[in-house]
Amino acid sequence: MGGEPGALCGVLGYPVGHSRSPAIQTAAFRSAGLDWRYVKLPVRPELFEETVRALPASGYRGANVTIPHKLAALGVADRTSPAAAAIGAANTLSFGDDLIEADNTDAGGLLDALGGPVAGLRALVLGAGGAGRAAAWALREAGAARVAVWNRTRERADALARDIDVVAVERPGPADVLVNATSVGLDPTVGDQDALAALELDGTDPPGLVVDLVYRRDGSETPVAAWASGGGATVIDGLEVLVRQGALSFSLWTGLPAPLEVMRAAARSDQPETAS
């Protein structure tokens, strides 16, 4: 599989214009000596299933999946990894042998990015979508003492809590590690205070460790990252998590070890993506 010439991969989302995945994966393919291409695939939700089913015949070996398709990606798959099944969402699809396989590298990528144990820590996850589900499941599996989930729509937090055995909360509360798994902060036209208010973080102090899964194409600091760093927290940004997720996806598709440093450098480069 690793030496297959001319294979395609891509990222499915809506919107997807801000994604750094093409730069990251293109650099990885080149470093590994693969003649593969990785492209952006903006797809409206109502066209997601038919688009995915058409990709293998068009030469695609795999695809990453981002907002808002992570739950739908699980439903379109013929085979599902234990992690994706337990989380109830997928961010990586692999195509081969007339099968669509779904996996979830969000969970493993988050834990790799944390770089240290979370056993015994109190964790708070903001957001109950696909990324929030993966984060909550990963932290619980890694031994966090308590995993709380907050969502602007409480019913979604309640459903997530029931599904993966964590706690839903009315408001963000004390924690040792906080993960922003919402899309708040993605739009640079929304002010920091408005963004923090939307997450009910305004007027609060950050915990010691904050992970913001959001990142911006221009490299500017997100409201959550600014709030965290201003309060003295250690901040892990969305690009580092993206690199770690992408490394796992790269290995799933190619069967090769991921060139992590090459991928990290590409993620943070201000050069335009050549694959898009």
C-alpha atoms as a PDB file:
ATOM      1  CA  MET A   1       0.000   0.000   0.000  1.00  0.00           C
ATOM      2  CA  GLY A   2       2.753   2.470   0.912  1.00  0.00           C
ATOM      3  CA  GLY A   3       4.226   2.497  -2.598  1.00  0.00           C
ATOM      4  CA  GLU A   4       1.018   2.914  -4.590  1.00  0.00           C
ATOM      5  CA  PRO A   5       1.636   5.727  -7.096  1.00  0.00           C
ATOM      6  CA  GLY A   6      -0.747   8.605  -7.647  1.00  0.00           C
ATOM      7  CA  ALA A   7      -3.088   7.862  -4.756  1.00  0.00           C
ATOM      8  CA  LEU A   8      -5.357  10.608  -3.451  1.00  0.00           C
ATOM      9  CA  CYS A   9      -6.395  11.575   0.060  1.00  0.00           C
ATOM     10  CA  GLY A  10      -8.361  14.551   1.304  1.00  0.00           C
ATOM     11  CA  VAL A  11     -10.220  16.278   4.083  1.00  0.00           C
ATOM     12  CA  LEU A  12     -14.024  16.320   4.083  1.00  0.00           C
ATOM     13  CA  GLY A  13     -15.714  19.208   5.862  1.00  0.00           C
ATOM     14  CA  TYR A  14     -17.979  22.227   5.515  1.00  0.00           C
ATOM     15  CA  PRO A  15     -16.318  24.681   5.708  1.00  0.00           C
ATOM     16  CA  VAL A  16     -12.854  23.324   5.051  1.00  0.00           C
ATOM     17  CA  GLY A  17     -11.014  26.294   3.549  1.00  0.00           C
ATOM     18  CA  HIS A  18      -9.030  26.981   6.726  1.00  0.00           C
ATOM     19  CA  SER A  19      -7.659  23.434   7.022  1.00  0.00           C
ATOM     20  CA  ARG A  20      -3.904  22.920   7.387  1.00  0.00           C
ATOM     21  CA  SER A  21      -4.246  19.190   6.746  1.00  0.00           C
ATOM     22  CA  PRO A  22      -3.284  19.489   3.037  1.00  0.00           C
ATOM     23  CA  ALA A  23      -0.001  21.183   3.945  1.00  0.00           C
ATOM     24  CA  ILE A  24       0.708  18.655   6.694  1.00  0.00           C
ATOM     25  CA  GLN A  25      -0.056  15.533   4.692  1.00  0.00           C
ATOM     26  CA  THR A  26       1.559  16.773   1.470  1.00  0.00           C
ATOM     27  CA  ALA A  27       4.797  17.351   3.384  1.00  0.00           C
ATOM     28  CA  ALA A  28       4.518  13.903   4.938  1.00  0.00           C
ATOM     29  CA  PHE A  29       3.961  12.193   1.578  1.00  0.00           C
ATOM     30  CA  ARG A  30       6.954  13.963   0.076  1.00  0.00           C
ATOM     31  CA  SER A  31       9.160  13.108   3.042  1.00  0.00           C
ATOM     32  CA  ALA A  32       8.173   9.450   2.696  1.00  0.00           C
ATOM     33  CA  GLY A  33       8.848   9.462  -1.057  1.00  0.00           C
ATOM     34  CA  LEU A  34       5.200   8.865  -1.957  1.00  0.00           C
ATOM     35  CA  ASP A  35       3.615  10.240  -5.134  1.00  0.00           C
ATOM     36  CA  TRP A  36       0.352  10.946  -3.288  1.00  0.00           C
ATOM     37  CA  ARG A  37      -1.806  14.089  -3.244  1.00  0.00           C
ATOM     38  CA  TYR A  38      -4.040  15.470  -0.498  1.00  0.00           C
ATOM     39  CA  VAL A  39      -6.839  17.926  -1.270  1.00  0.00           C
ATOM     40  CA  LYS A  40      -9.638  19.857   0.382  1.00  0.00           C
ATOM     41  CA  LEU A  41     -13.091  18.409  -0.166  1.00  0.00           C
ATOM     42  CA  PRO A  42     -15.790  20.888   0.871  1.00  0.00           C
ATOM     43  CA  VAL A  43     -19.021  18.894   1.024  1.00  0.00           C
ATOM     44  CA  ARG A  44     -22.459  19.965   2.202  1.00  0.00           C
ATOM     45  CA  PRO A  45     -24.012  17.592   4.762  1.00  0.00           C
ATOM     46  CA  GLU A  46     -26.763  16.443   2.399  1.00  0.00           C
ATOM     47  CA  LEU A  47     -24.126  15.319  -0.139  1.00  0.00           C
ATOM     48  CA  PHE A  48     -21.762  13.651   2.313  1.00  0.00           C
ATOM     49  CA  GLU A  49     -22.713   9.997   1.874  1.00  0.00           C
ATOM     50  CA  GLU A  50     -22.842   9.978  -1.912  1.00  0.00           C
ATOM     51  CA  THR A  51     -19.541  11.874  -2.083  1.00  0.00           C
ATOM     52  CA  VAL A  52     -17.774   9.435   0.223  1.00  0.00           C
ATOM     53  CA  ARG A  53     -19.054   6.433  -1.685  1.00  0.00           C
ATOM     54  CA  ALA A  54     -17.718   7.913  -4.928  1.00  0.00           C
ATOM     55  CA  LEU A  55     -14.190   8.567  -3.625  1.00  0.00           C
ATOM     56  CA  PRO A  56     -12.653   5.052  -3.913  1.00  0.00           C
ATOM     57  CA  ALA A  57     -13.463   4.819  -7.623  1.00  0.00           C
ATOM     58  CA  SER A  58     -11.804   8.216  -8.081  1.00  0.00           C
ATOM     59  CA  GLY A  59      -8.474   6.976  -6.762  1.00  0.00           C
ATOM     60  CA  TYR A  60      -8.798   7.947  -3.095  1.00  0.00           C
ATOM     61  CA  ARG A  61      -7.092   5.837  -0.438  1.00  0.00           C
ATOM     62  CA  GLY A  62      -8.390   7.773   2.530  1.00  0.00           C
ATOM     63  CA  ALA A  63      -9.904  10.933   3.923  1.00  0.00           C
ATOM     64  CA  ASN A  64      -9.923  12.902   7.108  1.00  0.00           C
ATOM     65  CA  VAL A  65     -13.296  14.144   8.311  1.00  0.00           C
ATOM     66  CA  THR A  66     -13.979  17.389  10.138  1.00  0.00           C
ATOM     67  CA  ILE A  67     -16.954  19.554  11.175  1.00  0.00           C
ATOM     68  CA  PRO A  68     -19.828  18.775  10.633  1.00  0.00           C
ATOM     69  CA  HIS A  69     -19.397  15.230   9.282  1.00  0.00           C
ATOM     70  CA  LYS A  70     -17.784  13.166  12.072  1.00  0.00           C
ATOM     71  CA  LEU A  71     -20.992  11.477  13.148  1.00  0.00           C
ATOM     72  CA  ALA A  72     -22.098  10.841   9.566  1.00  0.00           C
ATOM     73  CA  ALA A  73     -18.698   9.319   8.761  1.00  0.00           C
ATOM     74  CA  LEU A  74     -19.368   6.529  11.204  1.00  0.00           C
ATOM     75  CA  GLY A  75     -22.688   5.732   9.562  1.00  0.00           C
ATOM     76  CA  VAL A  76     -21.278   5.439   6.052  1.00  0.00           C
ATOM     77  CA  ALA A  77     -18.561   2.925   7.014  1.00  0.00           C
ATOM     78  CA  ASP A  78     -18.653  -0.813   6.361  1.00  0.00           C
ATOM     79  CA  ARG A  79     -16.131  -1.514   9.126  1.00  0.00           C
ATOM     80  CA  THR A  80     -15.455   0.488  12.284  1.00  0.00           C
ATOM     81  CA  SER A  81     -12.507   0.541  14.669  1.00  0.00           C
ATOM     82  CA  PRO A  82     -13.178  -0.104  18.374  1.00  0.00           C
ATOM     83  CA  ALA A  83     -12.298   3.521  19.191  1.00  0.00           C
ATOM     84  CA  ALA A  84     -14.652   4.984  16.586  1.00  0.00           C
ATOM     85  CA  ALA A  85     -17.453   2.647  17.667  1.00  0.00           C
ATOM     86  CA  ALA A  86     -17.005   3.526  21.348  1.00  0.00           C
ATOM     87  CA  ILE A  87     -16.812   7.263  20.651  1.00  0.00           C
ATOM     88  CA  GLY A  88     -19.676   7.241  18.173  1.00  0.00           C
ATOM     89  CA  ALA A  89     -17.802   9.398  15.647  1.00  0.00           C
ATOM     90  CA  ALA A  90     -15.050   9.019  13.059  1.00  0.00           C
ATOM     91  CA  ASN A  91     -12.460  11.449  11.727  1.00  0.00           C
ATOM     92  CA  THR A  92     -10.546   9.096   9.425  1.00  0.00           C
ATOM     93  CA  LEU A  93     -11.821   6.972   6.561  1.00  0.00           C
ATOM     94  CA  SER A  94      -9.758   4.391   4.672  1.00  0.00           C
ATOM     95  CA  PHE A  95     -10.772   2.921   1.310  1.00  0.00           C
ATOM     96  CA  GLY A  96      -9.696  -0.503   0.114  1.00  0.00           C
ATOM     97  CA  ASP A  97     -10.898  -4.015  -0.718  1.00  0.00           C
ATOM     98  CA  ASP A  98     -14.334  -2.628  -1.573  1.00  0.00           C
ATOM     99  CA  LEU A  99     -14.789  -1.485   2.021  1.00  0.00           C
ATOM    100  CA  ILE A 100     -14.967   1.863   3.777  1.00  0.00           C
ATOM    101  CA  GLU A 101     -13.245   1.665   7.155  1.00  0.00           C
ATOM    102  CA  ALA A 102     -13.840   4.269   9.852  1.00  0.00           C
ATOM    103  CA  ASP A 103     -11.397   5.135  12.601  1.00  0.00           C
ATOM    104  CA  ASN A 104     -10.961   7.875  15.149  1.00  0.00           C
ATOM    105  CA  THR A 105      -7.528   9.429  15.567  1.00  0.00           C
ATOM    106  CA  ASP A 106      -8.941  12.415  17.470  1.00  0.00           C
ATOM    107  CA  ALA A 107      -8.683  10.479  20.727  1.00  0.00           C
ATOM    108  CA  GLY A 108      -5.159   9.162  20.262  1.00  0.00           C
ATOM    109  CA  GLY A 109      -3.993  12.461  18.788  1.00  0.00           C
ATOM    110  CA  LEU A 110      -5.239  14.390  21.812  1.00  0.00           C
ATOM    111  CA  LEU A 111      -3.469  12.099  24.256  1.00  0.00           C
ATOM    112  CA  ASP A 112      -0.265  12.197  22.195  1.00  0.00           C
ATOM    113  CA  ALA A 113      -0.400  16.008  22.163  1.00  0.00           C
ATOM    114  CA  LEU A 114      -0.856  16.170  25.945  1.00  0.00           C
ATOM    115  CA  GLY A 115       2.478  14.406  26.279  1.00  0.00           C
ATOM    116  CA  GLY A 116       1.912  13.316  29.870  1.00  0.00           C
ATOM    117  CA  PRO A 117      -0.402  11.266  32.079  1.00  0.00           C
ATOM    118  CA  VAL A 118      -3.923  12.441  32.841  1.00  0.00           C
ATOM    119  CA  ALA A 119      -4.692   9.725  35.387  1.00  0.00           C
ATOM    120  CA  GLY A 120      -6.231  11.257  38.469  1.00  0.00           C
ATOM    121  CA  LEU A 121      -6.870  14.678  36.890  1.00  0.00           C
ATOM    122  CA  ARG A 122     -10.226  16.453  36.659  1.00  0.00           C
ATOM    123  CA  ALA A 123     -11.057  17.125  33.012  1.00  0.00           C
ATOM    124  CA  LEU A 124     -13.586  19.490  31.465  1.00  0.00           C
ATOM    125  CA  VAL A 125     -14.598  19.198  27.816  1.00  0.00           C
ATOM    126  CA  LEU A 126     -16.448  22.042  26.120  1.00  0.00           C
ATOM    127  CA  GLY A 127     -18.587  20.743  23.276  1.00  0.00           C
ATOM    128  CA  ALA A 128     -20.559  17.564  22.657  1.00  0.00           C
ATOM    129  CA  GLY A 129     -20.018  17.069  18.919  1.00  0.00           C
ATOM    130  CA  GLY A 130     -17.673  14.550  17.341  1.00  0.00           C
ATOM    131  CA  ALA A 131     -14.501  16.176  18.678  1.00  0.00           C
ATOM    132  CA  GLY A 132     -15.999  16.534  22.143  1.00  0.00           C
ATOM    133  CA  ARG A 133     -17.039  12.899  22.203  1.00  0.00           C
ATOM    134  CA  ALA A 134     -13.527  11.815  21.243  1.00  0.00           C
ATOM    135  CA  ALA A 135     -11.904  14.059  23.841  1.00  0.00           C
ATOM    136  CA  ALA A 136     -14.191  12.913  26.645  1.00  0.00           C
ATOM    137  CA  TRP A 137     -13.738   9.244  25.770  1.00  0.00           C
ATOM    138  CA  ALA A 138      -9.952   9.585  25.473  1.00  0.00           C
ATOM    139  CA  LEU A 139      -9.628  11.330  28.834  1.00  0.00           C
ATOM    140  CA  ARG A 140     -11.862   8.791  30.524  1.00  0.00           C
ATOM    141  CA  GLU A 141      -9.957   5.876  29.008  1.00  0.00           C
ATOM    142  CA  ALA A 142      -6.661   7.461  30.103  1.00  0.00           C
ATOM    143  CA  GLY A 143      -7.802   7.418  33.717  1.00  0.00           C
ATOM    144  CA  ALA A 144      -8.981  10.953  34.435  1.00  0.00           C
ATOM    145  CA  ALA A 145     -10.571  11.100  37.873  1.00  0.00           C
ATOM    146  CA  ARG A 146     -13.598  12.951  36.505  1.00  0.00           C
ATOM    147  CA  VAL A 147     -14.616  13.954  32.996  1.00  0.00           C
ATOM    148  CA  ALA A 148     -17.247  16.671  32.797  1.00  0.00           C
ATOM    149  CA  VAL A 149     -18.860  17.813  29.549  1.00  0.00           C
ATOM    150  CA  TRP A 150     -20.506  21.176  28.952  1.00  0.00           C
ATOM    151  CA  ASN A 151     -22.445  22.117  25.837  1.00  0.00           C
ATOM    152  CA  ARG A 152     -24.545  25.144  24.946  1.00  0.00           C
ATOM    153  CA  THR A 153     -27.404  22.722  24.267  1.00  0.00           C
ATOM    154  CA  ARG A 154     -27.619  20.750  27.499  1.00  0.00           C
ATOM    155  CA  GLU A 155     -29.470  17.846  25.884  1.00  0.00           C
ATOM    156  CA  ARG A 156     -26.435  17.051  23.717  1.00  0.00           C
ATOM    157  CA  ALA A 157     -24.160  17.002  26.755  1.00  0.00           C
ATOM    158  CA  ASP A 158     -26.613  14.706  28.540  1.00  0.00           C
ATOM    159  CA  ALA A 159     -26.664  12.327  25.581  1.00  0.00           C
ATOM    160  CA  LEU A 160     -22.873  12.225  25.394  1.00  0.00           C
ATOM    161  CA  ALA A 161     -22.635  11.623  29.146  1.00  0.00           C
ATOM    162  CA  ARG A 162     -25.002   8.670  28.918  1.00  0.00           C
ATOM    163  CA  ASP A 163     -23.252   7.200  25.898  1.00  0.00           C
ATOM    164  CA  ILE A 164     -19.687   7.175  27.240  1.00  0.00           C
ATOM    165  CA  ASP A 165     -20.193   7.308  31.010  1.00  0.00           C
ATOM    166  CA  VAL A 166     -19.044  10.820  31.859  1.00  0.00           C
ATOM    167  CA  VAL A 167     -20.772  13.740  33.619  1.00  0.00           C
ATOM    168  CA  ALA A 168     -22.788  16.527  31.992  1.00  0.00           C
ATOM    169  CA  VAL A 169     -22.654  19.924  33.722  1.00  0.00           C
ATOM    170  CA  GLU A 170     -24.770  23.078  33.552  1.00  0.00           C
ATOM    171  CA  ARG A 171     -21.778  25.435  33.558  1.00  0.00           C
ATOM    172  CA  PRO A 172     -18.024  25.020  33.109  1.00  0.00           C
ATOM    173  CA  GLY A 173     -16.490  24.454  36.534  1.00  0.00           C
ATOM    174  CA  PRO A 174     -13.153  23.735  38.226  1.00  0.00           C
ATOM    175  CA  ALA A 175     -10.811  21.371  36.404  1.00  0.00           C
ATOM    176  CA  ASP A 176      -7.160  20.467  36.035  1.00  0.00           C
ATOM    177  CA  VAL A 177      -7.334  20.246  32.238  1.00  0.00           C
ATOM    178  CA  LEU A 178      -9.809  21.922  29.883  1.00  0.00           C
ATOM    179  CA  VAL A 179     -10.396  20.971  26.258  1.00  0.00           C
ATOM    180  CA  ASN A 180     -12.267  23.326  23.929  1.00  0.00           C
ATOM    181  CA  ALA A 181     -13.889  21.015  21.410  1.00  0.00           C
ATOM    182  CA  THR A 182     -16.371  23.581  20.091  1.00  0.00           C
ATOM    183  CA  SER A 183     -15.977  25.714  16.969  1.00  0.00           C
ATOM    184  CA  VAL A 184     -15.995  28.910  19.064  1.00  0.00           C
ATOM    185  CA  GLY A 185     -12.932  30.946  18.110  1.00  0.00           C
ATOM    186  CA  LEU A 186     -12.752  29.730  14.536  1.00  0.00           C
ATOM    187  CA  ASP A 187     -14.283  32.959  13.222  1.00  0.00           C
ATOM    188  CA  PRO A 188     -11.747  35.794  13.688  1.00  0.00           C
ATOM    189  CA  THR A 189     -14.492  38.417  13.361  1.00  0.00           C
ATOM    190  CA  VAL A 190     -15.964  37.361  16.714  1.00  0.00           C
ATOM    191  CA  GLY A 191     -14.315  39.261  19.582  1.00  0.00           C
ATOM    192  CA  ASP A 192     -12.515  37.480  22.395  1.00  0.00           C
ATOM    193  CA  GLN A 193     -15.002  38.526  25.057  1.00  0.00           C
ATOM    194  CA  ASP A 194     -17.970  37.429  22.980  1.00  0.00           C
ATOM    195  CA  ALA A 195     -16.299  34.080  22.335  1.00  0.00           C
ATOM    196  CA  LEU A 196     -15.535  33.543  26.016  1.00  0.00           C
ATOM    197  CA  ALA A 197     -19.075  34.546  26.924  1.00  0.00           C
ATOM    198  CA  ALA A 198     -20.434  31.967  24.464  1.00  0.00           C
ATOM    199  CA  LEU A 199     -18.428  29.318  26.322  1.00  0.00           C
ATOM    200  CA  GLU A 200     -19.382  30.755  29.725  1.00  0.00           C
ATOM    201  CA  LEU A 201     -15.695  31.279  30.515  1.00  0.00           C
ATOM    202  CA  ASP A 202     -15.781  35.071  30.840  1.00  0.00           C
ATOM    203  CA  GLY A 203     -14.716  36.160  34.320  1.00  0.00           C
ATOM    204  CA  THR A 204     -13.193  32.777  35.172  1.00  0.00           C
ATOM    205  CA  ASP A 205      -9.584  31.669  35.643  1.00  0.00           C
ATOM    206  CA  PRO A 206      -8.130  28.930  33.442  1.00  0.00           C
ATOM    207  CA  PRO A 207      -6.926  25.601  34.831  1.00  0.00           C
ATOM    208  CA  GLY A 208      -3.261  24.686  34.649  1.00  0.00           C
ATOM    209  CA  LEU A 209      -3.570  22.977  31.247  1.00  0.00           C
ATOM    210  CA  VAL A 210      -5.775  24.106  28.368  1.00  0.00           C
ATOM    211  CA  VAL A 211      -6.154  22.429  24.976  1.00  0.00           C
ATOM    212  CA  ASP A 212      -7.908  24.409  22.246  1.00  0.00           C
ATOM    213  CA  LEU A 213      -8.774  22.216  19.283  1.00  0.00           C
ATOM    214  CA  VAL A 214      -9.573  25.339  17.250  1.00  0.00           C
ATOM    215  CA  TYR A 215      -6.842  26.906  15.142  1.00  0.00           C
ATOM    216  CA  ARG A 216      -6.857  29.740  12.637  1.00  0.00           C
ATOM    217  CA  ARG A 217      -5.421  29.730   9.147  1.00  0.00           C
ATOM    218  CA  ASP A 218      -3.560  33.013   9.764  1.00  0.00           C
ATOM    219  CA  GLY A 219      -1.891  31.649  12.891  1.00  0.00           C
ATOM    220  CA  SER A 220      -3.483  34.231  15.198  1.00  0.00           C
ATOM    221  CA  GLU A 221      -4.228  33.269  18.789  1.00  0.00           C
ATOM    222  CA  THR A 222      -7.744  32.040  19.484  1.00  0.00           C
ATOM    223  CA  PRO A 223      -9.826  33.568  22.288  1.00  0.00           C
ATOM    224  CA  VAL A 224      -9.529  30.447  24.433  1.00  0.00           C
ATOM    225  CA  ALA A 225      -5.760  30.265  23.936  1.00  0.00           C
ATOM    226  CA  ALA A 226      -5.415  33.962  24.781  1.00  0.00           C
ATOM    227  CA  TRP A 227      -7.547  33.532  27.917  1.00  0.00           C
ATOM    228  CA  ALA A 228      -5.493  30.525  28.975  1.00  0.00           C
ATOM    229  CA  SER A 229      -2.043  31.980  28.324  1.00  0.00           C
ATOM    230  CA  GLY A 230      -3.069  35.269  29.945  1.00  0.00           C
ATOM    231  CA  GLY A 231      -3.975  33.328  33.068  1.00  0.00           C
ATOM    232  CA  GLY A 232      -0.668  31.481  33.211  1.00  0.00           C
ATOM    233  CA  ALA A 233      -1.901  28.137  31.879  1.00  0.00           C
ATOM    234  CA  THR A 234       0.070  25.764  29.704  1.00  0.00           C
ATOM    235  CA  VAL A 235      -1.589  25.883  26.275  1.00  0.00           C
ATOM    236  CA  ILE A 236      -1.654  23.151  23.652  1.00  0.00           C
ATOM    237  CA  ASP A 237      -3.042  24.560  20.442  1.00  0.00           C
ATOM    238  CA  GLY A 238      -5.148  23.016  17.759  1.00  0.00           C
ATOM    239  CA  LEU A 239      -2.288  22.707  15.283  1.00  0.00           C
ATOM    240  CA  GLU A 240      -0.303  20.417  17.580  1.00  0.00           C
ATOM    241  CA  VAL A 241      -3.343  18.215  18.096  1.00  0.00           C
ATOM    242  CA  LEU A 242      -3.999  18.258  14.336  1.00  0.00           C
ATOM    243  CA  VAL A 243      -0.434  17.131  13.642  1.00  0.00           C
ATOM    244  CA  ARG A 244      -0.761  14.261  16.096  1.00  0.00           C
ATOM    245  CA  GLN A 245      -4.096  13.191  14.622  1.00  0.00           C
ATOM    246  CA  GLY A 246      -2.688  13.494  11.119  1.00  0.00           C
ATOM    247  CA  ALA A 247       0.316  11.367  11.989  1.00  0.00           C
ATOM    248  CA  LEU A 248      -1.958   8.534  13.053  1.00  0.00           C
ATOM    249  CA  SER A 249      -4.059   8.890   9.878  1.00  0.00           C
ATOM    250  CA  PHE A 250      -0.928   8.914   7.700  1.00  0.00           C
ATOM    251  CA  SER A 251       0.188   5.613   9.186  1.00  0.00           C
ATOM    252  CA  LEU A 252      -3.252   4.061   8.771  1.00  0.00           C
ATOM    253  CA  TRP A 253      -3.302   4.903   5.050  1.00  0.00           C
ATOM    254  CA  THR A 254       0.312   4.184   4.147  1.00  0.00           C
ATOM    255  CA  GLY A 255       1.483   1.577   6.660  1.00  0.00           C
ATOM    256  CA  LEU A 256       4.533   3.786   7.287  1.00  0.00           C
ATOM    257  CA  PRO A 257       5.744   5.681  10.368  1.00  0.00           C
ATOM    258  CA  ALA A 258       4.749   9.329  10.203  1.00  0.00           C
ATOM    259  CA  PRO A 259       7.489  11.985   9.808  1.00  0.00           C
ATOM    260  CA  LEU A 260       6.272  13.935  12.819  1.00  0.00           C
ATOM    261  CA  GLU A 261       8.755  16.823  12.731  1.00  0.00           C
ATOM    262  CA  VAL A 262       8.170  17.383   9.013  1.00  0.00           C
ATOM    263  CA  MET A 263       4.424  17.474   9.609  1.00  0.00           C
ATOM    264  CA  ARG A 264       4.765  19.878  12.536  1.00  0.00           C
ATOM    265  CA  ALA A 265       6.918  22.263  10.508  1.00  0.00           C
ATOM    266  CA  ALA A 266       4.411  22.205   7.642  1.00  0.00           C
ATOM    267  CA  ALA A 267       1.523  22.919  10.003  1.00  0.00           C
ATOM    268  CA  ARG A 268       3.174  26.073  11.277  1.00  0.00           C
ATOM    269  CA  SER A 269       4.589  27.283   7.975  1.00  0.00           C
ATOM    270  CA  ASP A 270       3.088  30.446   6.506  1.00  0.00           C
ATOM    271  CA  GLN A 271       3.618  29.131   2.988  1.00  0.00           C
ATOM    272  CA  PRO A 272       0.475  28.408   0.940  1.00  0.00           C
ATOM    273  CA  GLU A 273      -0.586  24.810   0.535  1.00  0.00           C
ATOM    274  CA  THR A 274       0.510  23.439  -2.826  1.00  0.00           C
ATOM    275  CA  ALA A 275      -1.982  20.576  -2.754  1.00  0.00           C
ATOM    276  CA  SER A 276      -5.157  22.610  -2.559  1.00  0.00           C
END
